[in-house]
Amino acid sequence: MWKKIETQLQQYPERLKVTRVLIENGLSAKGDKIYANQIEIPPVRVARVAGVDRRTVNETLNSIHNNPELRMIFEEIRPAGHSLKEIAKHLNLGVVEITPTNATAQGILSSAAVILNTADLSIRQAIVDDPELSPEPKLTFIVERKIPGELIPKLLEIHGVAKISVY
């Protein structure tokens, strides 16, 4: 998806910054408006995050609206939902973050889920960063209790896993 967006806006690096902010936050663009679900977001707020001026955001919205391929992507994109990662500690949940050697490698999620399941840990959430959009994509599991230390070597044995972080 990002390659398609990049191709369409490659002549406008500032507009690419805006589209990255939209995608990373699951913000949709409909006409000259930006939305998080049904909540309208002022262009100036997106401009600040993207490090551009408000006019650039408006020009990006026009580019999206006038391009059927981009319009199809940005009119339908939605936020992925809430994440318990930042509040897991306060809820006595465990968090394990897996950094892959290659984010497109198959089987990391399923192998890690089996290890967690075998250890009697119920998975509350699994969050996977899109390798096209994240410079260092990760797989994050939030589980019902703290991660036992003996699971770390088992998770590191999974083919394609570079690093494990436990919170």
Protein backbone atom coordinates (compact mmCIF):
# COMPACT_ATOMS: atom_id res chain seq x y z
CA MET A 1 0.00 0.00 0.00
CA TRP A 2 2.73 2.49 0.91
CA LYS A 3 4.53 1.87 -2.38
CA LYS A 4 1.35 2.81 -4.23
CA ILE A 5 1.00 6.03 -2.22
CA GLU A 6 4.68 6.83 -2.67
CA THR A 7 4.42 6.37 -6.42
CA GLN A 8 1.45 8.73 -6.64
CA LEU A 9 3.04 11.47 -4.48
CA GLN A 10 6.78 11.00 -5.08
CA GLN A 11 7.14 14.55 -6.42
CA TYR A 12 5.76 15.97 -3.15
CA PRO A 13 7.79 14.87 -0.09
CA GLU A 14 5.79 17.15 2.21
CA ARG A 15 2.54 15.50 1.11
CA LEU A 16 4.09 12.10 1.78
CA LYS A 17 4.71 13.24 5.36
CA VAL A 18 1.02 14.09 5.67
CA THR A 19 -0.12 10.76 4.21
CA ARG A 20 2.21 8.90 6.59
CA VAL A 21 0.59 10.67 9.57
CA LEU A 22 -2.86 9.80 8.21
CA ILE A 23 -1.98 6.14 7.78
CA GLU A 24 -0.08 5.73 11.05
CA ASN A 25 -3.08 7.11 12.93
CA GLY A 26 -5.79 5.45 10.86
CA LEU A 27 -7.20 8.82 9.79
CA SER A 28 -9.48 8.92 6.77
CA ALA A 29 -9.67 11.73 4.23
CA LYS A 30 -13.06 12.55 2.72
CA GLY A 31 -13.07 15.57 0.48
CA ASP A 32 -11.41 18.38 2.40
CA LYS A 33 -11.98 16.81 5.83
CA ILE A 34 -9.94 14.44 8.01
CA TYR A 35 -11.63 11.98 10.34
CA ALA A 36 -10.82 9.55 13.15
CA ASN A 37 -13.89 7.37 12.68
CA GLN A 38 -16.66 10.03 12.79
CA ILE A 39 -14.63 12.66 14.67
CA GLU A 40 -13.41 15.49 12.46
CA ILE A 41 -9.73 16.39 12.95
CA PRO A 42 -8.62 19.94 12.09
CA PRO A 43 -5.95 20.03 9.34
CA VAL A 44 -3.75 22.27 11.51
CA ARG A 45 -3.40 19.41 14.05
CA VAL A 46 -2.23 17.01 11.34
CA ALA A 47 0.12 19.71 10.00
CA ARG A 48 1.82 20.04 13.39
CA VAL A 49 2.39 16.30 13.70
CA ALA A 50 3.65 16.02 10.11
CA GLY A 51 5.91 19.05 10.50
CA VAL A 52 4.31 20.92 7.60
CA ASP A 53 1.97 23.89 7.27
CA ARG A 54 -1.83 23.71 7.04
CA ARG A 55 -1.78 24.52 3.30
CA THR A 56 0.28 21.38 2.66
CA VAL A 57 -2.34 19.30 4.45
CA ASN A 58 -5.07 20.89 2.33
CA GLU A 59 -3.06 20.29 -0.87
CA THR A 60 -2.59 16.65 0.21
CA LEU A 61 -6.34 16.30 0.75
CA ASN A 62 -6.95 17.72 -2.75
CA SER A 63 -4.41 15.27 -4.23
CA ILE A 64 -6.13 12.38 -2.48
CA HIS A 65 -9.58 13.51 -3.57
CA ASN A 66 -8.52 13.94 -7.21
CA ASN A 67 -6.77 10.55 -7.45
CA PRO A 68 -9.19 7.57 -7.55
CA GLU A 69 -6.55 5.12 -6.25
CA LEU A 70 -5.61 7.30 -3.29
CA ARG A 71 -9.23 8.25 -2.62
CA MET A 72 -10.17 4.56 -2.39
CA ILE A 73 -7.48 4.00 0.28
CA PHE A 74 -7.97 7.12 2.34
CA GLU A 75 -11.77 7.25 2.36
CA GLU A 76 -11.98 3.79 3.92
CA ILE A 77 -9.01 3.65 6.32
CA ARG A 78 -9.91 3.41 10.03
CA PRO A 79 -7.98 3.37 13.32
CA ALA A 80 -7.00 -0.17 14.32
CA GLY A 81 -8.48 0.24 17.78
CA HIS A 82 -7.23 0.60 21.29
CA SER A 83 -4.03 -0.97 22.55
CA LEU A 84 -3.50 -2.14 26.11
CA LYS A 85 0.29 -1.98 25.75
CA GLU A 86 0.78 1.37 27.48
CA ILE A 87 -1.48 0.51 30.41
CA ALA A 88 -0.66 -3.20 30.73
CA LYS A 89 1.54 -2.63 33.79
CA HIS A 90 -1.32 -0.93 35.63
CA LEU A 91 -3.66 -3.81 34.77
CA ASN A 92 -1.11 -6.50 35.79
CA LEU A 93 -0.92 -7.76 32.21
CA GLY A 94 2.23 -9.02 30.54
CA VAL A 95 3.68 -7.60 27.35
CA VAL A 96 6.15 -9.27 25.02
CA GLU A 97 7.46 -7.40 22.00
CA ILE A 98 9.09 -9.40 19.22
CA THR A 99 11.39 -7.78 16.67
CA PRO A 100 11.81 -9.96 13.58
CA THR A 101 14.89 -10.28 11.41
CA ASN A 102 12.52 -10.08 8.44
CA ALA A 103 9.01 -8.73 9.01
CA THR A 104 7.62 -10.66 6.07
CA ALA A 105 8.83 -14.03 7.42
CA GLN A 106 6.02 -16.50 7.95
CA GLY A 107 5.18 -18.28 11.17
CA ILE A 108 6.46 -15.88 13.83
CA LEU A 109 3.03 -14.91 15.13
CA SER A 110 1.69 -18.47 15.17
CA SER A 111 4.84 -19.94 16.76
CA ALA A 112 4.89 -17.29 19.49
CA ALA A 113 1.17 -17.77 20.13
CA VAL A 114 1.69 -21.51 20.59
CA ILE A 115 4.51 -20.91 23.10
CA LEU A 116 2.36 -18.46 25.08
CA ASN A 117 -0.62 -20.79 24.96
CA THR A 118 1.46 -23.77 26.08
CA ALA A 119 2.57 -21.69 29.09
CA ASP A 120 -1.12 -21.19 29.97
CA LEU A 121 -1.06 -17.50 29.06
CA SER A 122 -4.26 -16.21 27.51
CA ILE A 123 -3.57 -13.67 24.77
CA ARG A 124 -5.61 -10.51 25.26
CA GLN A 125 -4.21 -8.70 22.21
CA ALA A 126 -1.78 -9.31 19.36
CA ILE A 127 -0.64 -6.19 17.52
CA VAL A 128 1.43 -6.44 14.37
CA ASP A 129 3.09 -3.40 12.79
CA ASP A 130 2.78 -3.22 9.02
CA PRO A 131 6.27 -3.71 7.54
CA GLU A 132 5.49 -1.24 4.75
CA LEU A 133 4.67 1.55 7.19
CA SER A 134 6.92 0.99 10.19
CA PRO A 135 10.71 1.40 9.98
CA GLU A 136 11.19 -1.29 12.65
CA PRO A 137 8.03 -3.40 12.70
CA LYS A 138 7.25 -5.44 15.79
CA LEU A 139 4.81 -8.08 16.95
CA THR A 140 3.39 -7.28 20.38
CA PHE A 141 1.42 -9.66 22.57
CA ILE A 142 -0.49 -8.52 25.64
CA VAL A 143 -1.27 -11.50 27.87
CA GLU A 144 -3.27 -12.06 31.04
CA ARG A 145 -0.28 -11.98 33.44
CA LYS A 146 3.45 -11.26 33.56
CA ILE A 147 5.65 -13.20 31.11
CA PRO A 148 7.67 -15.91 32.89
CA GLY A 149 11.41 -15.52 32.28
CA GLU A 150 11.79 -19.10 31.05
CA LEU A 151 9.72 -18.25 27.96
CA ILE A 152 12.25 -15.75 26.61
CA PRO A 153 14.75 -18.37 25.33
CA LYS A 154 11.88 -20.32 23.74
CA LEU A 155 10.62 -17.21 21.95
CA LEU A 156 14.16 -16.39 20.79
CA GLU A 157 14.39 -19.85 19.19
CA ILE A 158 11.58 -19.01 16.75
CA HIS A 159 12.95 -18.79 13.23
CA GLY A 160 13.11 -15.13 12.17
CA VAL A 161 13.13 -13.58 15.66
CA ALA A 162 15.91 -11.03 16.21
CA LYS A 163 15.04 -9.65 19.63
CA ILE A 164 12.55 -10.04 22.49
CA SER A 165 11.52 -7.30 24.93
CA VAL A 166 9.34 -8.07 27.94
CA TYR A 167 7.48 -5.42 29.93
